[in-house]
Amino acid sequence: MEAFFISTAIVALAEMGDKTQWLALVLAARFRRPWPIVLGILAATLANHGLAAAVGAWVTAFVGPQMLRWILGASFLAMAAWMLIPDKPDADKAGGTPRWGVFGTTVVAFFLAEMGDKTQLATLMLAARYDATLWVVAGSTLGMVLANAPVVWFGERITRRLPIRMVHLVCAVIFLLLGLLAMFAPAP
C-alpha cells in the first residue's frame, strides 16, 4: 500500500500547473462535457502509466533525451496552432462532438501529452523502486485524476462566462511558451 499512497501523492503534486492541466482546461472549454473528459483522462493515464512502468526505460534509451525534447516542443507548438483554428459553426450545430467523440479525443490527447512527461517518468521510477507495478500505476493514475478532474469541472463552468476565443488565445500562448521552453531552455 505504501507504493500506492506514495505514487498518488507524488503524481498529484507533480501534476500541479503541468501542461496536462492546461489540456484539461482546453478540453473543458472546447467540449463542455466534463464526464467523458474525466473518464478519458482516467483511461489515457492508465494506458500511459502502465506502459511507462513496463517499457519506459527502453523508450528513453531508444529515442534519447534530446530528440524527446524536440518532439515534445514541436507537439506544444502544434497544440498552440490548433488552439488558434476557430471552431467550425456546423460542429456546434451537431453538438460539437469530434470524430472520435469527446472521450476518444481526450484519451488520444492525454496519452500523447503524457509521453515523456514528469509524471510518466515518476511512474517509471516508482515502479522500479517499489517493484509493485500494479500499485504504482493505480496510485499514479489516481493522482492524475485528483489533479485534473477539478480543472475540468471548474474550467468548464468558468468558460461559460468567458468568451471562448479569449480562452483559446490564452491557451495558445501558454502552449507556445511551453513549446519554446521545451526546445530551447537548458536541460535540467
N, C-alpha and C. Protein backbone atom coordinates (compact mmCIF):
# COMPACT_ATOMS: atom_id res chain seq x y z
N MET A 1 0.83 -1.20 0.00
CA MET A 1 0.00 0.00 0.00
C MET A 1 0.87 1.26 0.00
N GLU A 2 2.07 1.16 0.51
CA GLU A 2 2.96 2.32 0.52
C GLU A 2 3.20 2.81 -0.90
N ALA A 3 3.43 1.88 -1.83
CA ALA A 3 3.65 2.26 -3.23
C ALA A 3 2.45 3.01 -3.78
N PHE A 4 1.24 2.58 -3.43
CA PHE A 4 0.02 3.23 -3.89
C PHE A 4 -0.07 4.67 -3.37
N PHE A 5 0.10 4.84 -2.06
CA PHE A 5 -0.04 6.17 -1.46
C PHE A 5 1.07 7.13 -1.91
N ILE A 6 2.29 6.64 -1.97
CA ILE A 6 3.41 7.48 -2.41
C ILE A 6 3.20 7.89 -3.87
N SER A 7 2.80 6.95 -4.72
CA SER A 7 2.57 7.24 -6.13
C SER A 7 1.45 8.26 -6.31
N THR A 8 0.37 8.11 -5.56
CA THR A 8 -0.75 9.05 -5.64
C THR A 8 -0.28 10.45 -5.28
N ALA A 9 0.42 10.58 -4.16
CA ALA A 9 0.85 11.90 -3.69
C ALA A 9 1.86 12.54 -4.64
N ILE A 10 2.85 11.77 -5.08
CA ILE A 10 3.89 12.34 -5.95
C ILE A 10 3.30 12.81 -7.27
N VAL A 11 2.47 12.00 -7.89
CA VAL A 11 1.90 12.38 -9.19
C VAL A 11 0.93 13.55 -9.04
N ALA A 12 0.10 13.54 -8.01
CA ALA A 12 -0.84 14.66 -7.81
C ALA A 12 -0.08 15.97 -7.63
N LEU A 13 1.00 15.94 -6.85
CA LEU A 13 1.78 17.16 -6.65
C LEU A 13 2.55 17.56 -7.91
N ALA A 14 3.13 16.59 -8.60
CA ALA A 14 3.89 16.88 -9.82
C ALA A 14 2.99 17.43 -10.92
N GLU A 15 1.73 17.08 -10.89
CA GLU A 15 0.79 17.48 -11.94
C GLU A 15 0.32 18.92 -11.78
N MET A 16 0.48 19.51 -10.60
CA MET A 16 0.01 20.88 -10.36
C MET A 16 0.71 21.85 -11.30
N GLY A 17 -0.07 22.54 -12.10
CA GLY A 17 0.46 23.51 -13.06
C GLY A 17 1.09 22.89 -14.29
N ASP A 18 0.94 21.58 -14.46
CA ASP A 18 1.54 20.87 -15.59
C ASP A 18 0.74 21.13 -16.86
N LYS A 19 1.36 20.81 -18.00
CA LYS A 19 0.70 21.04 -19.29
C LYS A 19 -0.60 20.27 -19.43
N THR A 20 -0.71 19.10 -18.80
CA THR A 20 -1.95 18.34 -18.94
C THR A 20 -3.10 18.99 -18.18
N GLN A 21 -2.79 19.80 -17.17
CA GLN A 21 -3.87 20.56 -16.55
C GLN A 21 -4.38 21.62 -17.52
N TRP A 22 -3.48 22.22 -18.27
CA TRP A 22 -3.92 23.17 -19.30
C TRP A 22 -4.71 22.45 -20.38
N LEU A 23 -4.28 21.26 -20.74
CA LEU A 23 -5.02 20.47 -21.71
C LEU A 23 -6.42 20.14 -21.20
N ALA A 24 -6.53 19.82 -19.91
CA ALA A 24 -7.85 19.56 -19.32
C ALA A 24 -8.74 20.80 -19.44
N LEU A 25 -8.18 21.97 -19.20
CA LEU A 25 -8.94 23.21 -19.33
C LEU A 25 -9.36 23.45 -20.78
N VAL A 26 -8.44 23.20 -21.71
CA VAL A 26 -8.76 23.37 -23.13
C VAL A 26 -9.90 22.44 -23.55
N LEU A 27 -9.81 21.19 -23.14
CA LEU A 27 -10.87 20.23 -23.50
C LEU A 27 -12.20 20.61 -22.86
N ALA A 28 -12.16 21.08 -21.62
CA ALA A 28 -13.40 21.50 -20.94
C ALA A 28 -14.01 22.70 -21.66
N ALA A 29 -13.17 23.63 -22.08
CA ALA A 29 -13.67 24.82 -22.78
C ALA A 29 -14.22 24.46 -24.16
N ARG A 30 -13.55 23.55 -24.83
CA ARG A 30 -13.93 23.21 -26.20
C ARG A 30 -15.18 22.35 -26.26
N PHE A 31 -15.29 21.36 -25.38
CA PHE A 31 -16.38 20.39 -25.48
C PHE A 31 -17.49 20.56 -24.45
N ARG A 32 -17.17 21.15 -23.31
CA ARG A 32 -18.16 21.41 -22.26
C ARG A 32 -18.92 20.15 -21.82
N ARG A 33 -18.19 19.04 -21.75
CA ARG A 33 -18.76 17.76 -21.30
C ARG A 33 -17.78 17.12 -20.34
N PRO A 34 -17.89 17.45 -19.04
CA PRO A 34 -16.86 17.03 -18.09
C PRO A 34 -16.72 15.53 -17.88
N TRP A 35 -17.81 14.78 -17.84
CA TRP A 35 -17.69 13.34 -17.53
C TRP A 35 -16.90 12.58 -18.58
N PRO A 36 -17.18 12.72 -19.88
CA PRO A 36 -16.34 11.99 -20.85
C PRO A 36 -14.88 12.44 -20.82
N ILE A 37 -14.63 13.70 -20.48
CA ILE A 37 -13.25 14.18 -20.39
C ILE A 37 -12.53 13.53 -19.22
N VAL A 38 -13.17 13.50 -18.06
CA VAL A 38 -12.54 12.89 -16.88
C VAL A 38 -12.33 11.39 -17.10
N LEU A 39 -13.31 10.72 -17.69
CA LEU A 39 -13.14 9.29 -17.98
C LEU A 39 -12.05 9.06 -19.02
N GLY A 40 -11.92 9.98 -19.98
CA GLY A 40 -10.84 9.90 -20.96
C GLY A 40 -9.48 10.09 -20.31
N ILE A 41 -9.40 11.02 -19.34
CA ILE A 41 -8.16 11.22 -18.59
C ILE A 41 -7.79 9.93 -17.84
N LEU A 42 -8.78 9.32 -17.22
CA LEU A 42 -8.56 8.07 -16.49
C LEU A 42 -8.03 6.98 -17.42
N ALA A 43 -8.70 6.78 -18.55
CA ALA A 43 -8.29 5.73 -19.48
C ALA A 43 -6.90 6.00 -20.06
N ALA A 44 -6.64 7.24 -20.46
CA ALA A 44 -5.34 7.58 -21.04
C ALA A 44 -4.22 7.41 -20.02
N THR A 45 -4.48 7.81 -18.79
CA THR A 45 -3.46 7.70 -17.75
C THR A 45 -3.17 6.25 -17.41
N LEU A 46 -4.21 5.43 -17.33
CA LEU A 46 -3.98 4.01 -17.08
C LEU A 46 -3.09 3.40 -18.17
N ALA A 47 -3.41 3.70 -19.42
CA ALA A 47 -2.63 3.16 -20.53
C ALA A 47 -1.21 3.72 -20.51
N ASN A 48 -1.09 5.03 -20.36
CA ASN A 48 0.21 5.66 -20.44
C ASN A 48 1.11 5.26 -19.28
N HIS A 49 0.59 5.30 -18.08
CA HIS A 49 1.41 4.96 -16.93
C HIS A 49 1.68 3.45 -16.86
N GLY A 50 0.76 2.65 -17.39
CA GLY A 50 1.02 1.22 -17.49
C GLY A 50 2.19 0.95 -18.42
N LEU A 51 2.19 1.63 -19.56
CA LEU A 51 3.32 1.50 -20.48
C LEU A 51 4.60 2.05 -19.87
N ALA A 52 4.48 3.16 -19.15
CA ALA A 52 5.68 3.74 -18.53
C ALA A 52 6.32 2.76 -17.57
N ALA A 53 5.51 2.11 -16.78
CA ALA A 53 6.03 1.15 -15.82
C ALA A 53 6.64 -0.06 -16.52
N ALA A 54 6.12 -0.42 -17.69
CA ALA A 54 6.58 -1.61 -18.39
C ALA A 54 7.75 -1.35 -19.34
N VAL A 55 7.67 -0.28 -20.13
CA VAL A 55 8.69 -0.09 -21.18
C VAL A 55 9.30 1.31 -21.22
N GLY A 56 9.08 2.11 -20.21
CA GLY A 56 9.58 3.48 -20.20
C GLY A 56 11.08 3.59 -20.35
N ALA A 57 11.81 2.72 -19.71
CA ALA A 57 13.27 2.77 -19.79
C ALA A 57 13.75 2.53 -21.22
N TRP A 58 13.12 1.60 -21.92
CA TRP A 58 13.52 1.30 -23.30
C TRP A 58 13.26 2.50 -24.21
N VAL A 59 12.10 3.14 -24.07
CA VAL A 59 11.75 4.27 -24.92
C VAL A 59 12.75 5.41 -24.71
N THR A 60 13.06 5.70 -23.48
CA THR A 60 14.00 6.78 -23.18
C THR A 60 15.38 6.49 -23.78
N ALA A 61 15.84 5.25 -23.68
CA ALA A 61 17.14 4.89 -24.24
C ALA A 61 17.12 4.90 -25.76
N PHE A 62 15.99 4.52 -26.36
CA PHE A 62 15.89 4.43 -27.81
C PHE A 62 15.81 5.81 -28.46
N VAL A 63 14.95 6.66 -27.92
CA VAL A 63 14.74 7.98 -28.52
C VAL A 63 15.82 8.96 -28.09
N GLY A 64 16.21 8.91 -26.85
CA GLY A 64 17.21 9.83 -26.34
C GLY A 64 16.57 11.12 -25.84
N PRO A 65 17.13 11.70 -24.81
CA PRO A 65 16.51 12.88 -24.19
C PRO A 65 16.45 14.10 -25.12
N GLN A 66 17.46 14.29 -25.96
CA GLN A 66 17.47 15.47 -26.83
C GLN A 66 16.37 15.37 -27.89
N MET A 67 16.22 14.20 -28.50
CA MET A 67 15.18 14.02 -29.51
C MET A 67 13.79 14.13 -28.87
N LEU A 68 13.64 13.54 -27.69
CA LEU A 68 12.37 13.62 -26.97
C LEU A 68 12.02 15.08 -26.66
N ARG A 69 13.00 15.85 -26.33
CA ARG A 69 12.81 17.28 -26.06
C ARG A 69 12.27 18.01 -27.28
N TRP A 70 12.82 17.74 -28.46
CA TRP A 70 12.37 18.40 -29.69
C TRP A 70 10.97 17.93 -30.09
N ILE A 71 10.71 16.65 -29.92
CA ILE A 71 9.37 16.13 -30.23
C ILE A 71 8.34 16.77 -29.31
N LEU A 72 8.64 16.86 -28.04
CA LEU A 72 7.73 17.47 -27.08
C LEU A 72 7.51 18.94 -27.42
N GLY A 73 8.58 19.67 -27.71
CA GLY A 73 8.46 21.09 -28.08
C GLY A 73 7.60 21.28 -29.33
N ALA A 74 7.82 20.45 -30.34
CA ALA A 74 7.02 20.54 -31.57
C ALA A 74 5.55 20.22 -31.29
N SER A 75 5.30 19.28 -30.39
CA SER A 75 3.92 18.95 -30.03
C SER A 75 3.22 20.12 -29.37
N PHE A 76 3.93 20.84 -28.49
CA PHE A 76 3.34 22.02 -27.86
C PHE A 76 3.05 23.11 -28.89
N LEU A 77 3.97 23.31 -29.83
CA LEU A 77 3.75 24.32 -30.87
C LEU A 77 2.55 23.93 -31.74
N ALA A 78 2.41 22.66 -32.03
CA ALA A 78 1.25 22.21 -32.81
C ALA A 78 -0.04 22.44 -32.03
N MET A 79 -0.01 22.21 -30.72
CA MET A 79 -1.20 22.46 -29.89
C MET A 79 -1.53 23.95 -29.88
N ALA A 80 -0.52 24.81 -29.83
CA ALA A 80 -0.75 26.26 -29.87
C ALA A 80 -1.42 26.65 -31.18
N ALA A 81 -0.93 26.10 -32.29
CA ALA A 81 -1.54 26.40 -33.59
C ALA A 81 -2.98 25.89 -33.66
N TRP A 82 -3.21 24.71 -33.13
CA TRP A 82 -4.55 24.13 -33.13
C TRP A 82 -5.53 25.03 -32.37
N MET A 83 -5.05 25.63 -31.28
CA MET A 83 -5.91 26.50 -30.47
C MET A 83 -6.33 27.75 -31.24
N LEU A 84 -5.54 28.15 -32.23
CA LEU A 84 -5.86 29.36 -32.99
C LEU A 84 -6.84 29.10 -34.13
N ILE A 85 -7.08 27.84 -34.44
CA ILE A 85 -8.04 27.50 -35.50
C ILE A 85 -9.44 27.61 -34.92
N PRO A 86 -10.25 28.51 -35.50
CA PRO A 86 -11.59 28.67 -34.93
C PRO A 86 -12.44 27.42 -35.13
N ASP A 87 -13.33 27.21 -34.17
CA ASP A 87 -14.25 26.09 -34.30
C ASP A 87 -15.18 26.33 -35.47
N LYS A 88 -15.55 25.26 -36.15
CA LYS A 88 -16.48 25.38 -37.28
C LYS A 88 -17.89 25.54 -36.74
N PRO A 89 -18.67 26.44 -37.32
CA PRO A 89 -20.03 26.63 -36.84
C PRO A 89 -20.88 25.37 -36.92
N ASP A 90 -20.69 24.55 -37.95
CA ASP A 90 -21.52 23.36 -38.08
C ASP A 90 -21.19 22.32 -37.02
N ALA A 91 -19.99 22.38 -36.44
CA ALA A 91 -19.66 21.46 -35.34
C ALA A 91 -20.51 21.78 -34.12
N ASP A 92 -20.76 23.07 -33.88
CA ASP A 92 -21.61 23.45 -32.76
C ASP A 92 -23.04 23.00 -32.98
N LYS A 93 -23.52 23.07 -34.21
CA LYS A 93 -24.89 22.63 -34.50
C LYS A 93 -25.05 21.13 -34.32
N ALA A 94 -23.99 20.41 -34.57
CA ALA A 94 -24.03 18.95 -34.43
C ALA A 94 -23.69 18.51 -33.02
N GLY A 95 -23.71 19.43 -32.07
CA GLY A 95 -23.41 19.08 -30.69
C GLY A 95 -21.94 19.24 -30.35
N GLY A 96 -21.14 19.67 -31.33
CA GLY A 96 -19.73 19.90 -31.07
C GLY A 96 -18.94 18.63 -30.81
N THR A 97 -19.44 17.48 -31.20
CA THR A 97 -18.76 16.22 -30.93
C THR A 97 -17.73 15.96 -32.03
N PRO A 98 -16.47 15.75 -31.65
CA PRO A 98 -15.44 15.46 -32.65
C PRO A 98 -15.60 14.06 -33.22
N ARG A 99 -14.83 13.77 -34.24
CA ARG A 99 -14.93 12.50 -34.95
C ARG A 99 -14.82 11.30 -34.02
N TRP A 100 -13.89 11.35 -33.05
CA TRP A 100 -13.69 10.24 -32.12
C TRP A 100 -14.51 10.40 -30.86
N GLY A 101 -15.33 11.42 -30.81
CA GLY A 101 -16.09 11.69 -29.60
C GLY A 101 -15.23 12.41 -28.58
N VAL A 102 -15.86 12.96 -27.59
CA VAL A 102 -15.14 13.69 -26.54
C VAL A 102 -14.22 12.73 -25.79
N PHE A 103 -14.72 11.55 -25.44
CA PHE A 103 -13.92 10.57 -24.73
C PHE A 103 -12.69 10.17 -25.54
N GLY A 104 -12.88 9.77 -26.79
CA GLY A 104 -11.77 9.33 -27.64
C GLY A 104 -10.74 10.42 -27.87
N THR A 105 -11.21 11.63 -28.10
CA THR A 105 -10.30 12.76 -28.30
C THR A 105 -9.48 13.01 -27.04
N THR A 106 -10.12 12.93 -25.88
CA THR A 106 -9.41 13.12 -24.62
C THR A 106 -8.37 12.03 -24.40
N VAL A 107 -8.74 10.78 -24.67
CA VAL A 107 -7.79 9.67 -24.49
C VAL A 107 -6.55 9.90 -25.34
N VAL A 108 -6.74 10.20 -26.62
CA VAL A 108 -5.59 10.39 -27.52
C VAL A 108 -4.76 11.59 -27.09
N ALA A 109 -5.42 12.72 -26.81
CA ALA A 109 -4.69 13.94 -26.44
C ALA A 109 -3.90 13.74 -25.14
N PHE A 110 -4.53 13.16 -24.13
CA PHE A 110 -3.83 12.97 -22.85
C PHE A 110 -2.73 11.92 -22.96
N PHE A 111 -2.98 10.87 -23.70
CA PHE A 111 -1.95 9.85 -23.85
C PHE A 111 -0.70 10.46 -24.48
N LEU A 112 -0.88 11.23 -25.55
CA LEU A 112 0.26 11.85 -26.22
C LEU A 112 0.91 12.92 -25.34
N ALA A 113 0.11 13.71 -24.63
CA ALA A 113 0.66 14.76 -23.78
C ALA A 113 1.49 14.19 -22.64
N GLU A 114 1.17 13.00 -22.20
CA GLU A 114 1.89 12.38 -21.08
C GLU A 114 3.19 11.72 -21.52
N MET A 115 3.41 11.55 -22.82
CA MET A 115 4.64 10.92 -23.28
C MET A 115 5.83 11.79 -22.89
N GLY A 116 6.74 11.23 -22.12
CA GLY A 116 7.93 11.95 -21.71
C GLY A 116 7.70 12.96 -20.61
N ASP A 117 6.50 13.00 -20.06
CA ASP A 117 6.17 13.97 -19.02
C ASP A 117 6.77 13.53 -17.68
N LYS A 118 6.88 14.49 -16.77
CA LYS A 118 7.49 14.18 -15.47
C LYS A 118 6.67 13.15 -14.70
N THR A 119 5.35 13.13 -14.86
CA THR A 119 4.56 12.14 -14.14
C THR A 119 4.75 10.75 -14.74
N GLN A 120 4.97 10.67 -16.03
CA GLN A 120 5.26 9.38 -16.65
C GLN A 120 6.62 8.86 -16.15
N LEU A 121 7.59 9.74 -16.11
CA LEU A 121 8.91 9.34 -15.61
C LEU A 121 8.88 9.00 -14.13
N ALA A 122 8.07 9.74 -13.38
CA ALA A 122 7.91 9.42 -11.95
C ALA A 122 7.31 8.02 -11.78
N THR A 123 6.35 7.69 -12.62
CA THR A 123 5.73 6.36 -12.56
C THR A 123 6.77 5.28 -12.85
N LEU A 124 7.60 5.51 -13.84
CA LEU A 124 8.66 4.57 -14.18
C LEU A 124 9.60 4.36 -12.99
N MET A 125 10.04 5.46 -12.39
CA MET A 125 10.97 5.36 -11.26
C MET A 125 10.32 4.72 -10.03
N LEU A 126 9.07 5.05 -9.77
CA LEU A 126 8.39 4.46 -8.62
C LEU A 126 8.17 2.96 -8.81
N ALA A 127 7.86 2.55 -10.04
CA ALA A 127 7.69 1.11 -10.31
C ALA A 127 9.00 0.37 -10.08
N ALA A 128 10.11 0.98 -10.46
CA ALA A 128 11.41 0.35 -10.25
C ALA A 128 11.75 0.33 -8.75
N ARG A 129 11.41 1.36 -8.06
CA ARG A 129 11.73 1.48 -6.63
C ARG A 129 10.93 0.49 -5.79
N TYR A 130 9.64 0.36 -6.06
CA TYR A 130 8.78 -0.45 -5.20
C TYR A 130 8.54 -1.86 -5.70
N ASP A 131 8.87 -2.13 -6.94
CA ASP A 131 8.63 -3.46 -7.50
C ASP A 131 7.18 -3.89 -7.26
N ALA A 132 6.27 -2.93 -7.44
CA ALA A 132 4.83 -3.16 -7.26
C ALA A 132 4.10 -2.40 -8.36
N THR A 133 4.27 -2.85 -9.59
CA THR A 133 3.79 -2.12 -10.76
C THR A 133 2.31 -1.80 -10.68
N LEU A 134 1.49 -2.75 -10.30
CA LEU A 134 0.05 -2.52 -10.24
C LEU A 134 -0.30 -1.40 -9.28
N TRP A 135 0.30 -1.42 -8.08
CA TRP A 135 0.01 -0.38 -7.08
C TRP A 135 0.53 0.97 -7.52
N VAL A 136 1.68 0.99 -8.17
CA VAL A 136 2.25 2.26 -8.65
C VAL A 136 1.37 2.85 -9.74
N VAL A 137 0.95 2.03 -10.70
CA VAL A 137 0.10 2.52 -11.78
C VAL A 137 -1.25 2.98 -11.23
N ALA A 138 -1.82 2.22 -10.30
CA ALA A 138 -3.10 2.63 -9.70
C ALA A 138 -2.94 3.94 -8.94
N GLY A 139 -1.88 4.10 -8.18
CA GLY A 139 -1.65 5.32 -7.43
C GLY A 139 -1.36 6.52 -8.32
N SER A 140 -0.52 6.32 -9.33
CA SER A 140 -0.19 7.44 -10.21
C SER A 140 -1.41 7.86 -11.03
N THR A 141 -2.25 6.91 -11.39
CA THR A 141 -3.48 7.23 -12.12
C THR A 141 -4.44 8.01 -11.22
N LEU A 142 -4.59 7.58 -9.99
CA LEU A 142 -5.44 8.32 -9.06
C LEU A 142 -4.91 9.73 -8.85
N GLY A 143 -3.61 9.88 -8.70
CA GLY A 143 -3.00 11.20 -8.55
C GLY A 143 -3.30 12.10 -9.73
N MET A 144 -3.24 11.54 -10.94
CA MET A 144 -3.52 12.31 -12.16
C MET A 144 -4.98 12.76 -12.18
N VAL A 145 -5.89 11.86 -11.85
CA VAL A 145 -7.31 12.21 -11.85
C VAL A 145 -7.61 13.24 -10.75
N LEU A 146 -7.01 13.07 -9.58
CA LEU A 146 -7.23 14.03 -8.49
C LEU A 146 -6.75 15.43 -8.87
N ALA A 147 -5.69 15.51 -9.66
CA ALA A 147 -5.16 16.82 -10.06
C ALA A 147 -5.94 17.44 -11.22
N ASN A 148 -6.50 16.61 -12.10
CA ASN A 148 -7.11 17.15 -13.32
C ASN A 148 -8.64 17.25 -13.29
N ALA A 149 -9.32 16.38 -12.57
CA ALA A 149 -10.78 16.41 -12.57
C ALA A 149 -11.33 17.77 -12.08
N PRO A 150 -10.79 18.34 -11.01
CA PRO A 150 -11.31 19.66 -10.60
C PRO A 150 -11.11 20.74 -11.68
N VAL A 151 -10.01 20.64 -12.42
CA VAL A 151 -9.77 21.59 -13.51
C VAL A 151 -10.85 21.46 -14.58
N VAL A 152 -11.23 20.23 -14.88
CA VAL A 152 -12.27 20.01 -15.89
C VAL A 152 -13.59 20.61 -15.43
N TRP A 153 -14.01 20.30 -14.21
CA TRP A 153 -15.31 20.80 -13.75
C TRP A 153 -15.29 22.30 -13.51
N PHE A 154 -14.24 22.80 -12.88
CA PHE A 154 -14.15 24.24 -12.63
C PHE A 154 -13.96 24.99 -13.95
N GLY A 155 -13.08 24.49 -14.79
CA GLY A 155 -12.81 25.14 -16.08
C GLY A 155 -14.02 25.17 -16.98
N GLU A 156 -14.78 24.10 -16.98
CA GLU A 156 -15.99 24.05 -17.82
C GLU A 156 -16.98 25.10 -17.36
N ARG A 157 -17.10 25.31 -16.09
CA ARG A 157 -18.05 26.31 -15.57
C ARG A 157 -17.57 27.73 -15.83
N ILE A 158 -16.27 27.97 -15.65
CA ILE A 158 -15.75 29.32 -15.83
C ILE A 158 -15.79 29.73 -17.30
N THR A 159 -15.59 28.77 -18.20
CA THR A 159 -15.58 29.12 -19.62
C THR A 159 -16.98 29.43 -20.14
N ARG A 160 -18.00 29.09 -19.38
CA ARG A 160 -19.35 29.51 -19.78
C ARG A 160 -19.49 31.02 -19.66
N ARG A 161 -18.68 31.63 -18.79
CA ARG A 161 -18.77 33.07 -18.55
C ARG A 161 -17.74 33.87 -19.35
N LEU A 162 -16.73 33.21 -19.87
CA LEU A 162 -15.68 33.88 -20.64
C LEU A 162 -15.87 33.60 -22.12
N PRO A 163 -15.49 34.54 -22.97
CA PRO A 163 -15.53 34.28 -24.41
C PRO A 163 -14.56 33.15 -24.77
N ILE A 164 -15.03 32.18 -25.51
CA ILE A 164 -14.22 31.01 -25.84
C ILE A 164 -12.98 31.41 -26.64
N ARG A 165 -13.09 32.44 -27.46
CA ARG A 165 -11.93 32.89 -28.25
C ARG A 165 -10.81 33.37 -27.33
N MET A 166 -11.17 34.06 -26.24
CA MET A 166 -10.16 34.53 -25.30
C MET A 166 -9.47 33.34 -24.62
N VAL A 167 -10.24 32.34 -24.22
CA VAL A 167 -9.67 31.14 -23.61
C VAL A 167 -8.72 30.47 -24.59
N HIS A 168 -9.11 30.36 -25.86
CA HIS A 168 -8.26 29.74 -26.88
C HIS A 168 -6.96 30.52 -27.07
N LEU A 169 -7.06 31.85 -27.10
CA LEU A 169 -5.85 32.67 -27.28
C LEU A 169 -4.89 32.53 -26.10
N VAL A 170 -5.41 32.57 -24.90
CA VAL A 170 -4.56 32.41 -23.71
C VAL A 170 -3.90 31.03 -23.71
N CYS A 171 -4.68 30.00 -24.01
CA CYS A 171 -4.11 28.64 -24.05
C CYS A 171 -3.08 28.51 -25.16
N ALA A 172 -3.31 29.14 -26.31
CA ALA A 172 -2.35 29.09 -27.41
C ALA A 172 -1.03 29.72 -26.99
N VAL A 173 -1.09 30.84 -26.31
CA VAL A 173 0.13 31.50 -25.84
C VAL A 173 0.87 30.60 -24.83
N ILE A 174 0.12 29.99 -23.94
CA ILE A 174 0.75 29.10 -22.95
C ILE A 174 1.43 27.92 -23.63
N PHE A 175 0.74 27.29 -24.59
CA PHE A 175 1.35 26.16 -25.30
C PHE A 175 2.56 26.61 -26.13
N LEU A 176 2.49 27.80 -26.70
CA LEU A 176 3.62 28.34 -27.45
C LEU A 176 4.84 28.49 -26.53
N LEU A 177 4.62 29.08 -25.36
CA LEU A 177 5.71 29.26 -24.40
C LEU A 177 6.26 27.91 -23.93
N LEU A 178 5.37 26.96 -23.65
CA LEU A 178 5.84 25.63 -23.24
C LEU A 178 6.66 24.97 -24.34
N GLY A 179 6.23 25.12 -25.59
CA GLY A 179 6.97 24.54 -26.71
C GLY A 179 8.35 25.13 -26.84
N LEU A 180 8.44 26.46 -26.74
CA LEU A 180 9.73 27.13 -26.84
C LEU A 180 10.63 26.76 -25.66
N LEU A 181 10.06 26.68 -24.47
CA LEU A 181 10.84 26.27 -23.29
C LEU A 181 11.35 24.84 -23.44
N ALA A 182 10.49 23.96 -23.93
CA ALA A 182 10.90 22.56 -24.09
C ALA A 182 12.07 22.43 -25.07
N MET A 183 12.05 23.27 -26.12
CA MET A 183 13.08 23.14 -27.14
C MET A 183 14.35 23.91 -26.81
N PHE A 184 14.23 25.06 -26.15
CA PHE A 184 15.38 25.94 -26.03
C PHE A 184 15.87 26.21 -24.60
N ALA A 185 15.12 25.83 -23.60
CA ALA A 185 15.59 26.02 -22.22
C ALA A 185 16.73 25.04 -21.93
N PRO A 186 17.66 25.43 -21.10
CA PRO A 186 18.75 24.49 -20.76
C PRO A 186 18.19 23.23 -20.12
N ALA A 187 18.76 22.11 -20.49
CA ALA A 187 18.32 20.82 -19.93
C ALA A 187 18.64 20.80 -18.44
N PRO A 188 17.72 20.20 -17.63
CA PRO A 188 17.98 20.14 -16.18
C PRO A 188 19.12 19.24 -15.83
